[in-house]
N, C-alpha and C. Protein backbone atom coordinates (compact mmCIF):
# COMPACT_ATOMS: atom_id res chain seq x y z
N MET A 1 0.85 -1.19 0.00
CA MET A 1 0.00 0.00 0.00
C MET A 1 0.89 1.25 0.00
N GLU A 2 0.46 2.24 -0.71
CA GLU A 2 1.22 3.48 -0.87
C GLU A 2 1.30 4.28 0.43
N ILE A 3 2.48 4.88 0.65
CA ILE A 3 2.70 5.76 1.80
C ILE A 3 2.74 7.20 1.29
N ILE A 4 1.94 8.05 1.89
CA ILE A 4 1.87 9.46 1.52
C ILE A 4 2.52 10.29 2.62
N ALA A 5 3.48 11.13 2.26
CA ALA A 5 4.14 12.03 3.21
C ALA A 5 3.55 13.42 3.07
N VAL A 6 3.17 14.00 4.21
CA VAL A 6 2.59 15.34 4.25
C VAL A 6 3.32 16.13 5.34
N ALA A 7 3.79 17.32 5.00
CA ALA A 7 4.43 18.21 5.99
C ALA A 7 3.68 19.53 6.00
N LYS A 8 3.28 19.96 7.18
CA LYS A 8 2.50 21.19 7.32
C LYS A 8 2.91 21.95 8.57
N PRO A 9 2.80 23.29 8.51
CA PRO A 9 2.93 24.05 9.76
C PRO A 9 1.71 23.77 10.65
N PHE A 10 1.86 24.01 11.92
CA PHE A 10 0.80 23.73 12.89
C PHE A 10 -0.52 24.37 12.48
N SER A 11 -0.47 25.62 12.02
CA SER A 11 -1.69 26.36 11.69
C SER A 11 -2.49 25.74 10.55
N GLN A 12 -1.86 24.88 9.76
CA GLN A 12 -2.54 24.26 8.63
C GLN A 12 -3.00 22.82 8.90
N LEU A 13 -2.70 22.30 10.07
CA LEU A 13 -3.16 20.95 10.40
C LEU A 13 -4.68 20.93 10.51
N THR A 14 -5.29 19.91 9.94
CA THR A 14 -6.73 19.76 10.11
C THR A 14 -6.99 19.17 11.50
N PRO A 15 -8.20 19.30 12.01
CA PRO A 15 -8.49 18.65 13.29
C PRO A 15 -8.21 17.15 13.26
N TYR A 16 -8.52 16.49 12.14
CA TYR A 16 -8.24 15.05 12.01
C TYR A 16 -6.74 14.78 12.13
N GLU A 17 -5.91 15.56 11.42
CA GLU A 17 -4.46 15.36 11.46
C GLU A 17 -3.91 15.61 12.85
N LEU A 18 -4.35 16.70 13.49
CA LEU A 18 -3.87 17.01 14.84
C LEU A 18 -4.23 15.88 15.81
N TYR A 19 -5.46 15.40 15.73
CA TYR A 19 -5.88 14.31 16.60
C TYR A 19 -5.03 13.06 16.34
N ALA A 20 -4.79 12.73 15.06
CA ALA A 20 -4.00 11.55 14.72
C ALA A 20 -2.57 11.68 15.25
N VAL A 21 -1.98 12.87 15.14
CA VAL A 21 -0.62 13.10 15.63
C VAL A 21 -0.57 12.90 17.14
N LEU A 22 -1.48 13.57 17.85
CA LEU A 22 -1.47 13.46 19.32
C LEU A 22 -1.76 12.03 19.77
N ARG A 23 -2.65 11.36 19.07
CA ARG A 23 -2.99 9.98 19.43
C ARG A 23 -1.78 9.07 19.24
N LEU A 24 -1.08 9.18 18.10
CA LEU A 24 0.09 8.34 17.85
C LEU A 24 1.20 8.63 18.85
N ARG A 25 1.48 9.90 19.11
CA ARG A 25 2.52 10.24 20.08
C ARG A 25 2.18 9.68 21.45
N ASN A 26 0.93 9.81 21.87
CA ASN A 26 0.54 9.29 23.18
C ASN A 26 0.55 7.76 23.20
N GLU A 27 0.11 7.14 22.12
CA GLU A 27 0.09 5.68 22.03
C GLU A 27 1.49 5.10 22.27
N ILE A 28 2.49 5.73 21.67
CA ILE A 28 3.85 5.20 21.76
C ILE A 28 4.57 5.72 23.01
N PHE A 29 4.65 7.03 23.17
CA PHE A 29 5.45 7.59 24.25
C PHE A 29 4.84 7.36 25.63
N VAL A 30 3.54 7.53 25.76
CA VAL A 30 2.90 7.44 27.08
C VAL A 30 2.50 6.00 27.40
N VAL A 31 1.78 5.35 26.49
CA VAL A 31 1.25 4.02 26.79
C VAL A 31 2.32 2.95 26.60
N GLU A 32 2.87 2.83 25.38
CA GLU A 32 3.83 1.75 25.11
C GLU A 32 5.10 1.88 25.95
N GLN A 33 5.64 3.10 26.03
CA GLN A 33 6.90 3.29 26.75
C GLN A 33 6.68 3.64 28.22
N ASN A 34 5.43 3.71 28.63
CA ASN A 34 5.07 3.98 30.02
C ASN A 34 5.80 5.22 30.55
N CYS A 35 5.73 6.28 29.77
CA CYS A 35 6.46 7.51 30.07
C CYS A 35 5.45 8.63 30.32
N VAL A 36 5.29 8.99 31.56
CA VAL A 36 4.35 10.05 31.91
C VAL A 36 5.09 11.39 31.76
N PHE A 37 4.67 12.18 30.77
CA PHE A 37 5.30 13.49 30.53
C PHE A 37 4.31 14.39 29.82
N GLN A 38 4.62 15.67 29.80
CA GLN A 38 3.75 16.65 29.16
C GLN A 38 4.12 16.73 27.68
N ASP A 39 3.41 15.98 26.85
CA ASP A 39 3.70 15.96 25.42
C ASP A 39 3.38 17.30 24.77
N ALA A 40 2.29 17.92 25.16
CA ALA A 40 1.91 19.24 24.63
C ALA A 40 2.78 20.28 25.34
N ASP A 41 3.93 20.59 24.72
CA ASP A 41 4.96 21.41 25.36
C ASP A 41 5.06 22.84 24.82
N ASN A 42 4.05 23.28 24.09
CA ASN A 42 4.02 24.61 23.50
C ASN A 42 5.09 24.84 22.43
N LYS A 43 5.67 23.77 21.90
CA LYS A 43 6.61 23.89 20.78
C LYS A 43 5.94 23.55 19.46
N ASP A 44 4.88 22.76 19.52
CA ASP A 44 4.20 22.33 18.28
C ASP A 44 3.80 23.50 17.40
N GLN A 45 3.34 24.58 18.01
CA GLN A 45 2.83 25.72 17.27
C GLN A 45 3.90 26.37 16.39
N GLY A 46 5.16 26.26 16.75
CA GLY A 46 6.24 26.86 15.97
C GLY A 46 6.93 25.90 15.02
N CYS A 47 6.40 24.69 14.91
CA CYS A 47 7.05 23.64 14.12
C CYS A 47 6.24 23.27 12.88
N HIS A 48 6.88 22.52 12.01
CA HIS A 48 6.21 21.84 10.92
C HIS A 48 6.05 20.38 11.36
N HIS A 49 5.03 19.73 10.82
CA HIS A 49 4.69 18.38 11.26
C HIS A 49 4.68 17.46 10.06
N LEU A 50 5.59 16.50 10.07
CA LEU A 50 5.71 15.53 8.99
C LEU A 50 4.92 14.28 9.36
N MET A 51 3.97 13.95 8.52
CA MET A 51 3.10 12.81 8.78
C MET A 51 3.19 11.84 7.61
N LEU A 52 3.33 10.56 7.91
CA LEU A 52 3.27 9.52 6.89
C LEU A 52 1.96 8.77 7.07
N PHE A 53 1.16 8.77 6.01
CA PHE A 53 -0.13 8.10 6.03
C PHE A 53 -0.10 6.88 5.12
N GLN A 54 -0.76 5.83 5.54
CA GLN A 54 -1.05 4.68 4.71
C GLN A 54 -2.56 4.58 4.68
N ALA A 55 -3.13 4.80 3.51
CA ALA A 55 -4.58 5.02 3.39
C ALA A 55 -4.88 6.26 4.23
N GLU A 56 -5.77 6.17 5.18
CA GLU A 56 -6.07 7.34 6.02
C GLU A 56 -5.50 7.19 7.43
N THR A 57 -4.60 6.23 7.61
CA THR A 57 -4.04 5.96 8.93
C THR A 57 -2.65 6.58 9.06
N LEU A 58 -2.44 7.35 10.12
CA LEU A 58 -1.12 7.90 10.40
C LEU A 58 -0.24 6.78 10.92
N ILE A 59 0.86 6.49 10.20
CA ILE A 59 1.73 5.39 10.60
C ILE A 59 3.08 5.86 11.13
N ALA A 60 3.43 7.12 10.88
CA ALA A 60 4.70 7.65 11.36
C ALA A 60 4.64 9.17 11.38
N TYR A 61 5.48 9.75 12.23
CA TYR A 61 5.41 11.20 12.44
C TYR A 61 6.76 11.71 12.94
N ALA A 62 7.07 12.95 12.59
CA ALA A 62 8.23 13.66 13.14
C ALA A 62 7.92 15.15 13.19
N ARG A 63 8.41 15.80 14.23
CA ARG A 63 8.24 17.24 14.39
C ARG A 63 9.52 17.91 13.89
N LEU A 64 9.37 18.85 12.96
CA LEU A 64 10.49 19.56 12.35
C LEU A 64 10.60 20.92 13.04
N VAL A 65 11.71 21.14 13.70
CA VAL A 65 11.83 22.24 14.65
C VAL A 65 12.85 23.27 14.16
N PRO A 66 12.44 24.54 14.07
CA PRO A 66 13.40 25.57 13.65
C PRO A 66 14.48 25.80 14.73
N ALA A 67 15.61 26.32 14.29
CA ALA A 67 16.69 26.65 15.22
C ALA A 67 16.18 27.61 16.29
N GLY A 68 16.61 27.39 17.52
CA GLY A 68 16.27 28.28 18.61
C GLY A 68 15.04 27.88 19.41
N LEU A 69 14.25 26.94 18.91
CA LEU A 69 13.05 26.54 19.64
C LEU A 69 13.34 25.42 20.64
N ALA A 70 14.09 24.41 20.23
CA ALA A 70 14.47 23.33 21.14
C ALA A 70 15.97 23.37 21.41
N TYR A 71 16.74 23.59 20.37
CA TYR A 71 18.22 23.68 20.43
C TYR A 71 18.64 24.89 19.61
N SER A 72 19.91 25.25 19.69
CA SER A 72 20.39 26.36 18.86
C SER A 72 20.40 25.96 17.39
N GLU A 73 20.52 24.66 17.10
CA GLU A 73 20.47 24.17 15.73
C GLU A 73 19.03 23.81 15.36
N ILE A 74 18.80 23.60 14.05
CA ILE A 74 17.52 23.02 13.64
C ILE A 74 17.44 21.61 14.22
N SER A 75 16.24 21.09 14.32
CA SER A 75 16.07 19.83 15.03
C SER A 75 14.92 19.02 14.45
N ILE A 76 14.96 17.74 14.72
CA ILE A 76 13.85 16.84 14.42
C ILE A 76 13.51 16.17 15.75
N GLY A 77 12.23 16.18 16.10
CA GLY A 77 11.83 15.59 17.37
C GLY A 77 10.55 14.81 17.27
N ARG A 78 10.16 14.20 18.39
CA ARG A 78 8.93 13.40 18.49
C ARG A 78 8.86 12.38 17.35
N ILE A 79 10.00 11.78 17.03
CA ILE A 79 10.09 10.80 15.94
C ILE A 79 9.42 9.51 16.41
N VAL A 80 8.41 9.08 15.66
CA VAL A 80 7.62 7.95 16.12
C VAL A 80 7.04 7.17 14.95
N THR A 81 7.04 5.85 15.09
CA THR A 81 6.37 4.99 14.12
C THR A 81 5.37 4.10 14.86
N SER A 82 4.28 3.83 14.22
CA SER A 82 3.27 2.96 14.80
C SER A 82 3.84 1.56 14.96
N ALA A 83 3.47 0.89 16.05
CA ALA A 83 3.93 -0.47 16.30
C ALA A 83 3.56 -1.40 15.15
N GLN A 84 2.46 -1.12 14.46
CA GLN A 84 1.99 -1.99 13.38
C GLN A 84 2.91 -2.01 12.16
N VAL A 85 3.77 -0.99 12.02
CA VAL A 85 4.63 -0.93 10.83
C VAL A 85 6.12 -1.05 11.16
N ARG A 86 6.46 -1.26 12.41
CA ARG A 86 7.88 -1.37 12.76
C ARG A 86 8.51 -2.58 12.07
N GLY A 87 9.73 -2.39 11.62
CA GLY A 87 10.44 -3.46 10.94
C GLY A 87 10.13 -3.53 9.45
N SER A 88 9.29 -2.61 8.96
CA SER A 88 8.90 -2.63 7.55
C SER A 88 9.66 -1.61 6.70
N GLY A 89 10.54 -0.82 7.32
CA GLY A 89 11.26 0.21 6.59
C GLY A 89 10.62 1.60 6.69
N VAL A 90 9.49 1.70 7.37
CA VAL A 90 8.81 2.99 7.49
C VAL A 90 9.67 4.00 8.27
N GLY A 91 10.40 3.54 9.26
CA GLY A 91 11.28 4.44 10.02
C GLY A 91 12.33 5.08 9.12
N ARG A 92 12.90 4.30 8.21
CA ARG A 92 13.89 4.85 7.27
C ARG A 92 13.23 5.86 6.34
N ILE A 93 12.03 5.54 5.87
CA ILE A 93 11.31 6.48 5.01
C ILE A 93 11.03 7.77 5.77
N LEU A 94 10.59 7.66 7.01
CA LEU A 94 10.30 8.83 7.83
C LEU A 94 11.53 9.70 7.99
N MET A 95 12.67 9.11 8.38
CA MET A 95 13.88 9.91 8.61
C MET A 95 14.40 10.54 7.32
N THR A 96 14.32 9.84 6.21
CA THR A 96 14.74 10.41 4.94
C THR A 96 13.91 11.65 4.60
N HIS A 97 12.59 11.52 4.73
CA HIS A 97 11.70 12.67 4.49
C HIS A 97 11.96 13.78 5.51
N ALA A 98 12.15 13.41 6.77
CA ALA A 98 12.34 14.42 7.82
C ALA A 98 13.60 15.25 7.56
N ILE A 99 14.68 14.61 7.20
CA ILE A 99 15.93 15.34 6.93
C ILE A 99 15.75 16.23 5.70
N ASP A 100 15.19 15.67 4.63
CA ASP A 100 14.97 16.45 3.41
C ASP A 100 14.07 17.66 3.67
N GLN A 101 12.96 17.45 4.36
CA GLN A 101 12.02 18.54 4.64
C GLN A 101 12.64 19.58 5.57
N THR A 102 13.42 19.14 6.54
CA THR A 102 14.07 20.08 7.46
C THR A 102 15.00 21.01 6.69
N TYR A 103 15.78 20.46 5.77
CA TYR A 103 16.67 21.28 4.95
C TYR A 103 15.87 22.23 4.05
N LYS A 104 14.78 21.75 3.46
CA LYS A 104 13.97 22.61 2.60
C LYS A 104 13.35 23.76 3.38
N LEU A 105 12.89 23.48 4.58
CA LEU A 105 12.22 24.50 5.38
C LEU A 105 13.18 25.50 6.01
N PHE A 106 14.29 25.00 6.53
CA PHE A 106 15.15 25.82 7.39
C PHE A 106 16.55 26.04 6.82
N GLY A 107 16.85 25.47 5.66
CA GLY A 107 18.17 25.60 5.07
C GLY A 107 19.10 24.50 5.56
N LYS A 108 20.17 24.31 4.81
CA LYS A 108 21.13 23.26 5.18
C LYS A 108 21.96 23.73 6.35
N GLY A 109 22.06 22.88 7.33
CA GLY A 109 22.84 23.18 8.52
C GLY A 109 22.82 21.98 9.43
N PRO A 110 23.54 22.06 10.54
CA PRO A 110 23.55 20.95 11.48
C PRO A 110 22.14 20.68 12.01
N ILE A 111 21.81 19.41 12.19
CA ILE A 111 20.53 19.00 12.78
C ILE A 111 20.82 18.27 14.09
N ARG A 112 20.19 18.70 15.16
CA ARG A 112 20.37 18.07 16.47
C ARG A 112 19.09 17.32 16.84
N ILE A 113 19.27 16.14 17.42
CA ILE A 113 18.14 15.37 17.94
C ILE A 113 18.47 14.91 19.36
N GLY A 114 17.44 14.66 20.14
CA GLY A 114 17.57 14.01 21.44
C GLY A 114 17.08 12.59 21.25
N ALA A 115 17.99 11.65 21.07
CA ALA A 115 17.63 10.28 20.71
C ALA A 115 17.53 9.38 21.93
N GLN A 116 16.55 8.49 21.92
CA GLN A 116 16.54 7.45 22.93
C GLN A 116 17.77 6.58 22.68
N LEU A 117 18.47 6.25 23.75
CA LEU A 117 19.78 5.60 23.64
C LEU A 117 19.73 4.32 22.80
N TYR A 118 18.68 3.52 22.95
CA TYR A 118 18.61 2.26 22.21
C TYR A 118 18.56 2.48 20.70
N ALA A 119 18.19 3.68 20.24
CA ALA A 119 18.01 3.95 18.81
C ALA A 119 19.21 4.64 18.17
N THR A 120 20.32 4.78 18.88
CA THR A 120 21.45 5.53 18.32
C THR A 120 22.00 4.90 17.04
N ALA A 121 22.06 3.58 16.97
CA ALA A 121 22.58 2.94 15.75
C ALA A 121 21.68 3.26 14.56
N PHE A 122 20.37 3.32 14.78
CA PHE A 122 19.44 3.68 13.71
C PHE A 122 19.76 5.08 13.18
N TYR A 123 19.92 6.05 14.07
CA TYR A 123 20.18 7.42 13.63
C TYR A 123 21.58 7.58 13.03
N GLN A 124 22.52 6.77 13.46
CA GLN A 124 23.87 6.84 12.88
C GLN A 124 23.83 6.51 11.39
N ARG A 125 22.89 5.69 10.95
CA ARG A 125 22.76 5.36 9.52
C ARG A 125 22.45 6.60 8.68
N PHE A 126 21.95 7.65 9.33
CA PHE A 126 21.60 8.88 8.62
C PHE A 126 22.64 9.98 8.85
N GLY A 127 23.77 9.62 9.43
CA GLY A 127 24.84 10.58 9.63
C GLY A 127 24.85 11.29 10.97
N PHE A 128 23.98 10.92 11.89
CA PHE A 128 23.98 11.51 13.23
C PHE A 128 25.06 10.84 14.07
N VAL A 129 25.74 11.64 14.88
CA VAL A 129 26.75 11.10 15.80
C VAL A 129 26.43 11.58 17.21
N PRO A 130 26.69 10.74 18.21
CA PRO A 130 26.46 11.17 19.60
C PRO A 130 27.23 12.45 19.89
N ASP A 131 26.59 13.36 20.63
CA ASP A 131 27.20 14.65 20.92
C ASP A 131 26.83 15.07 22.33
N GLY A 132 27.41 14.41 23.30
CA GLY A 132 27.14 14.74 24.69
C GLY A 132 26.94 13.49 25.53
N PRO A 133 26.77 13.71 26.81
CA PRO A 133 26.61 12.57 27.71
C PRO A 133 25.21 11.97 27.64
N ILE A 134 25.09 10.76 28.11
CA ILE A 134 23.79 10.11 28.24
C ILE A 134 23.05 10.81 29.37
N TYR A 135 21.76 11.06 29.17
CA TYR A 135 20.95 11.71 30.19
C TYR A 135 19.59 11.03 30.29
N ASP A 136 18.98 11.19 31.44
CA ASP A 136 17.65 10.62 31.67
C ASP A 136 16.60 11.66 31.32
N GLU A 137 15.68 11.28 30.48
CA GLU A 137 14.54 12.13 30.17
C GLU A 137 13.28 11.31 30.39
N ASP A 138 12.55 11.67 31.42
CA ASP A 138 11.29 11.00 31.74
C ASP A 138 11.48 9.49 31.93
N GLY A 139 12.60 9.10 32.55
CA GLY A 139 12.83 7.70 32.87
C GLY A 139 13.44 6.88 31.74
N ILE A 140 13.81 7.51 30.64
CA ILE A 140 14.40 6.80 29.49
C ILE A 140 15.75 7.45 29.18
N ASP A 141 16.79 6.61 29.02
CA ASP A 141 18.11 7.12 28.67
C ASP A 141 18.09 7.70 27.26
N HIS A 142 18.65 8.90 27.13
CA HIS A 142 18.74 9.61 25.86
C HIS A 142 20.18 10.08 25.65
N VAL A 143 20.49 10.46 24.43
CA VAL A 143 21.74 11.12 24.11
C VAL A 143 21.47 12.10 22.97
N GLN A 144 22.06 13.27 23.05
CA GLN A 144 21.93 14.21 21.94
C GLN A 144 22.82 13.70 20.81
N MET A 145 22.31 13.85 19.59
CA MET A 145 23.07 13.47 18.41
C MET A 145 23.03 14.64 17.43
N LEU A 146 24.09 14.73 16.64
CA LEU A 146 24.22 15.86 15.71
C LEU A 146 24.56 15.33 14.33
N LYS A 147 23.90 15.88 13.33
CA LYS A 147 24.21 15.58 11.92
C LYS A 147 24.78 16.86 11.34
N VAL A 148 26.03 16.79 10.93
CA VAL A 148 26.69 17.95 10.33
C VAL A 148 26.88 17.68 8.85
N ILE A 149 26.67 18.71 8.04
CA ILE A 149 26.82 18.55 6.58
C ILE A 149 28.28 18.54 6.21
């Protein structure tokens, strides 16, 4: 089945898209990972939102963040894939689109992410390298990673 990638600023999200984004983020971060945190962090409004749909179902998502909102560099955050599509290559498709869209929106420059530690090898395939110490965020080990052009 075809995967459709859509990237929009917050102000252009439909109620359906916003609900699907929040539902997927909560499904994975809060329920699956048992991580109680404030997902609605007042950064969404300043970001673009990359959504991958299969039919009308949101299967993957990433938040594209301008420099200065989360880090001094541009950033990609809230990277998530639905459990139903893991292992199918959707994560690679998501990251490829996320990097491309981030450059189109904000220009070419370093991209910083806060990666869950277990996923560092995945992000290294896209040129990200660990950049700092391991830290705990909401009970999950993370490390900042940087992709430099």
